[in-house]
């Protein structure tokens, strides 16, 4: 079960991280957030952390650190959405990934 959770999170963050470079929608969202200059960094960190999650199978501390970093990133994402006044349903993905990655950070990958 935990393997499925790690793979789900890793694939999700690879997809979103690459979207930071390739997707016009993601570019517009970062502009809406007022964080357009951070977009490449966020994308690169998400892809790197996804790799860290998978590497956690061989190096557990790396997996836990990656999961903790992603959880922290989702705390910031929630804060941004709250600041913008987004509706709760738009916050659910960040909340879900926060819970998932906090669990992985706490229990190990």
C-alpha atoms as a PDB file:
ATOM      1  CA  UNK A   1       0.000   0.000   0.000  1.00  0.00           C
ATOM      2  CA  UNK A   2       2.750   2.438   0.913  1.00  0.00           C
ATOM      3  CA  UNK A   3       4.477   1.706  -2.402  1.00  0.00           C
ATOM      4  CA  UNK A   4       1.316   2.803  -4.202  1.00  0.00           C
ATOM      5  CA  UNK A   5       1.176   6.003  -2.153  1.00  0.00           C
ATOM      6  CA  UNK A   6       4.816   6.812  -2.924  1.00  0.00           C
ATOM      7  CA  UNK A   7       4.297   6.178  -6.636  1.00  0.00           C
ATOM      8  CA  UNK A   8       1.091   8.227  -6.689  1.00  0.00           C
ATOM      9  CA  UNK A   9       2.789  11.197  -5.035  1.00  0.00           C
ATOM     10  CA  UNK A  10       5.955  10.889  -7.137  1.00  0.00           C
ATOM     11  CA  UNK A  11       4.098  10.679 -10.465  1.00  0.00           C
ATOM     12  CA  UNK A  12       1.823  13.532  -9.455  1.00  0.00           C
ATOM     13  CA  UNK A  13       4.707  15.821  -8.607  1.00  0.00           C
ATOM     14  CA  UNK A  14       6.670  14.885 -11.726  1.00  0.00           C
ATOM     15  CA  UNK A  15       3.583  15.808 -13.734  1.00  0.00           C
ATOM     16  CA  UNK A  16       2.971  19.086 -11.970  1.00  0.00           C
ATOM     17  CA  UNK A  17       6.664  19.931 -11.876  1.00  0.00           C
ATOM     18  CA  UNK A  18       6.978  19.425 -15.624  1.00  0.00           C
ATOM     19  CA  UNK A  19       3.779  21.418 -16.051  1.00  0.00           C
ATOM     20  CA  UNK A  20       5.599  24.370 -14.507  1.00  0.00           C
ATOM     21  CA  UNK A  21       7.761  24.393 -17.642  1.00  0.00           C
ATOM     22  CA  UNK A  22       5.349  23.143 -20.295  1.00  0.00           C
ATOM     23  CA  UNK A  23       1.806  24.185 -19.405  1.00  0.00           C
ATOM     24  CA  UNK A  24       0.265  27.538 -20.208  1.00  0.00           C
ATOM     25  CA  UNK A  25      -2.391  26.874 -17.561  1.00  0.00           C
ATOM     26  CA  UNK A  26       0.240  26.417 -14.843  1.00  0.00           C
ATOM     27  CA  UNK A  27       2.032  29.562 -16.020  1.00  0.00           C
ATOM     28  CA  UNK A  28      -1.216  31.539 -15.715  1.00  0.00           C
ATOM     29  CA  UNK A  29      -1.883  30.099 -12.268  1.00  0.00           C
ATOM     30  CA  UNK A  30       1.542  31.181 -11.005  1.00  0.00           C
ATOM     31  CA  UNK A  31       0.847  34.648 -12.387  1.00  0.00           C
ATOM     32  CA  UNK A  32      -2.468  34.633 -10.520  1.00  0.00           C
ATOM     33  CA  UNK A  33      -0.621  33.593  -7.358  1.00  0.00           C
ATOM     34  CA  UNK A  34       1.826  36.460  -7.825  1.00  0.00           C
ATOM     35  CA  UNK A  35       4.661  33.926  -7.913  1.00  0.00           C
ATOM     36  CA  UNK A  36       5.586  33.827 -11.589  1.00  0.00           C
ATOM     37  CA  UNK A  37       9.305  34.207 -10.820  1.00  0.00           C
ATOM     38  CA  UNK A  38       9.172  31.166  -8.514  1.00  0.00           C
ATOM     39  CA  UNK A  39       7.551  28.854 -11.090  1.00  0.00           C
ATOM     40  CA  UNK A  40      10.782  27.308 -12.479  1.00  0.00           C
ATOM     41  CA  UNK A  41      12.134  26.732  -8.977  1.00  0.00           C
ATOM     42  CA  UNK A  42       8.902  25.134  -7.809  1.00  0.00           C
ATOM     43  CA  UNK A  43       8.851  22.880 -10.866  1.00  0.00           C
ATOM     44  CA  UNK A  44      12.461  21.806 -10.432  1.00  0.00           C
ATOM     45  CA  UNK A  45      12.001  21.172  -6.707  1.00  0.00           C
ATOM     46  CA  UNK A  46       8.886  19.109  -7.315  1.00  0.00           C
ATOM     47  CA  UNK A  47      10.588  16.903  -9.892  1.00  0.00           C
ATOM     48  CA  UNK A  48      13.646  16.510  -7.639  1.00  0.00           C
ATOM     49  CA  UNK A  49      11.494  15.669  -4.619  1.00  0.00           C
ATOM     50  CA  UNK A  50       9.570  13.098  -6.654  1.00  0.00           C
ATOM     51  CA  UNK A  51      12.903  11.451  -7.417  1.00  0.00           C
ATOM     52  CA  UNK A  52      13.766  11.648  -3.731  1.00  0.00           C
ATOM     53  CA  UNK A  53      10.559   9.816  -2.846  1.00  0.00           C
ATOM     54  CA  UNK A  54      11.464   6.929  -5.130  1.00  0.00           C
ATOM     55  CA  UNK A  55      15.099   6.963  -3.987  1.00  0.00           C
ATOM     56  CA  UNK A  56      13.730   6.613  -0.465  1.00  0.00           C
ATOM     57  CA  UNK A  57      13.268   2.912  -1.085  1.00  0.00           C
ATOM     58  CA  UNK A  58      17.071   2.600  -1.004  1.00  0.00           C
ATOM     59  CA  UNK A  59      17.881   5.621   1.172  1.00  0.00           C
ATOM     60  CA  UNK A  60      15.007   6.033   3.639  1.00  0.00           C
ATOM     61  CA  UNK A  61      16.186   9.348   5.066  1.00  0.00           C
ATOM     62  CA  UNK A  62      16.186  10.852   1.561  1.00  0.00           C
ATOM     63  CA  UNK A  63      12.618   9.668   1.000  1.00  0.00           C
ATOM     64  CA  UNK A  64      11.472  11.106   4.299  1.00  0.00           C
ATOM     65  CA  UNK A  65      13.205  14.420   3.593  1.00  0.00           C
ATOM     66  CA  UNK A  66      11.621  14.595   0.137  1.00  0.00           C
ATOM     67  CA  UNK A  67       8.179  13.827   1.554  1.00  0.00           C
ATOM     68  CA  UNK A  68       8.680  16.437   4.272  1.00  0.00           C
ATOM     69  CA  UNK A  69       9.720  19.008   1.688  1.00  0.00           C
ATOM     70  CA  UNK A  70       6.659  18.285  -0.419  1.00  0.00           C
ATOM     71  CA  UNK A  71       4.426  18.522   2.662  1.00  0.00           C
ATOM     72  CA  UNK A  72       5.959  21.899   3.468  1.00  0.00           C
ATOM     73  CA  UNK A  73       5.436  23.011  -0.123  1.00  0.00           C
ATOM     74  CA  UNK A  74       1.748  22.107   0.208  1.00  0.00           C
ATOM     75  CA  UNK A  75       1.479  24.152   3.428  1.00  0.00           C
ATOM     76  CA  UNK A  76       2.725  27.126   1.419  1.00  0.00           C
ATOM     77  CA  UNK A  77       0.323  26.273  -1.430  1.00  0.00           C
ATOM     78  CA  UNK A  78      -2.594  26.271   1.007  1.00  0.00           C
ATOM     79  CA  UNK A  79      -1.464  29.610   2.404  1.00  0.00           C
ATOM     80  CA  UNK A  80      -1.347  31.093  -1.089  1.00  0.00           C
ATOM     81  CA  UNK A  81      -4.839  29.836  -1.883  1.00  0.00           C
ATOM     82  CA  UNK A  82      -6.187  31.172   1.408  1.00  0.00           C
ATOM     83  CA  UNK A  83      -4.544  34.555   0.722  1.00  0.00           C
ATOM     84  CA  UNK A  84      -6.202  34.634  -2.712  1.00  0.00           C
ATOM     85  CA  UNK A  85      -9.585  33.730  -1.252  1.00  0.00           C
ATOM     86  CA  UNK A  86      -9.941  30.544  -3.313  1.00  0.00           C
ATOM     87  CA  UNK A  87     -12.932  28.347  -2.566  1.00  0.00           C
ATOM     88  CA  UNK A  88     -12.316  25.298  -0.389  1.00  0.00           C
ATOM     89  CA  UNK A  89     -12.704  22.785  -3.259  1.00  0.00           C
ATOM     90  CA  UNK A  90      -9.740  24.425  -5.019  1.00  0.00           C
ATOM     91  CA  UNK A  91      -7.680  23.818  -1.875  1.00  0.00           C
ATOM     92  CA  UNK A  92      -8.434  20.100  -1.657  1.00  0.00           C
ATOM     93  CA  UNK A  93      -5.571  18.855  -3.861  1.00  0.00           C
ATOM     94  CA  UNK A  94      -2.979  20.757  -1.826  1.00  0.00           C
ATOM     95  CA  UNK A  95      -4.585  19.561   1.402  1.00  0.00           C
ATOM     96  CA  UNK A  96      -4.636  15.954   0.182  1.00  0.00           C
ATOM     97  CA  UNK A  97      -0.989  16.041  -0.889  1.00  0.00           C
ATOM     98  CA  UNK A  98      -0.077  17.705   2.408  1.00  0.00           C
ATOM     99  CA  UNK A  99      -1.659  14.865   4.374  1.00  0.00           C
ATOM    100  CA  UNK A 100      -0.183  12.187   2.106  1.00  0.00           C
ATOM    101  CA  UNK A 101       3.361  13.524   2.203  1.00  0.00           C
ATOM    102  CA  UNK A 102       3.233  14.332   5.914  1.00  0.00           C
ATOM    103  CA  UNK A 103       2.258  10.682   6.460  1.00  0.00           C
ATOM    104  CA  UNK A 104       5.146   9.480   4.295  1.00  0.00           C
ATOM    105  CA  UNK A 105       7.576  11.806   6.077  1.00  0.00           C
ATOM    106  CA  UNK A 106       6.427  10.615   9.495  1.00  0.00           C
ATOM    107  CA  UNK A 107       6.307   6.886   8.760  1.00  0.00           C
ATOM    108  CA  UNK A 108       9.033   6.523   6.163  1.00  0.00           C
ATOM    109  CA  UNK A 109       8.884   5.744   2.497  1.00  0.00           C
END
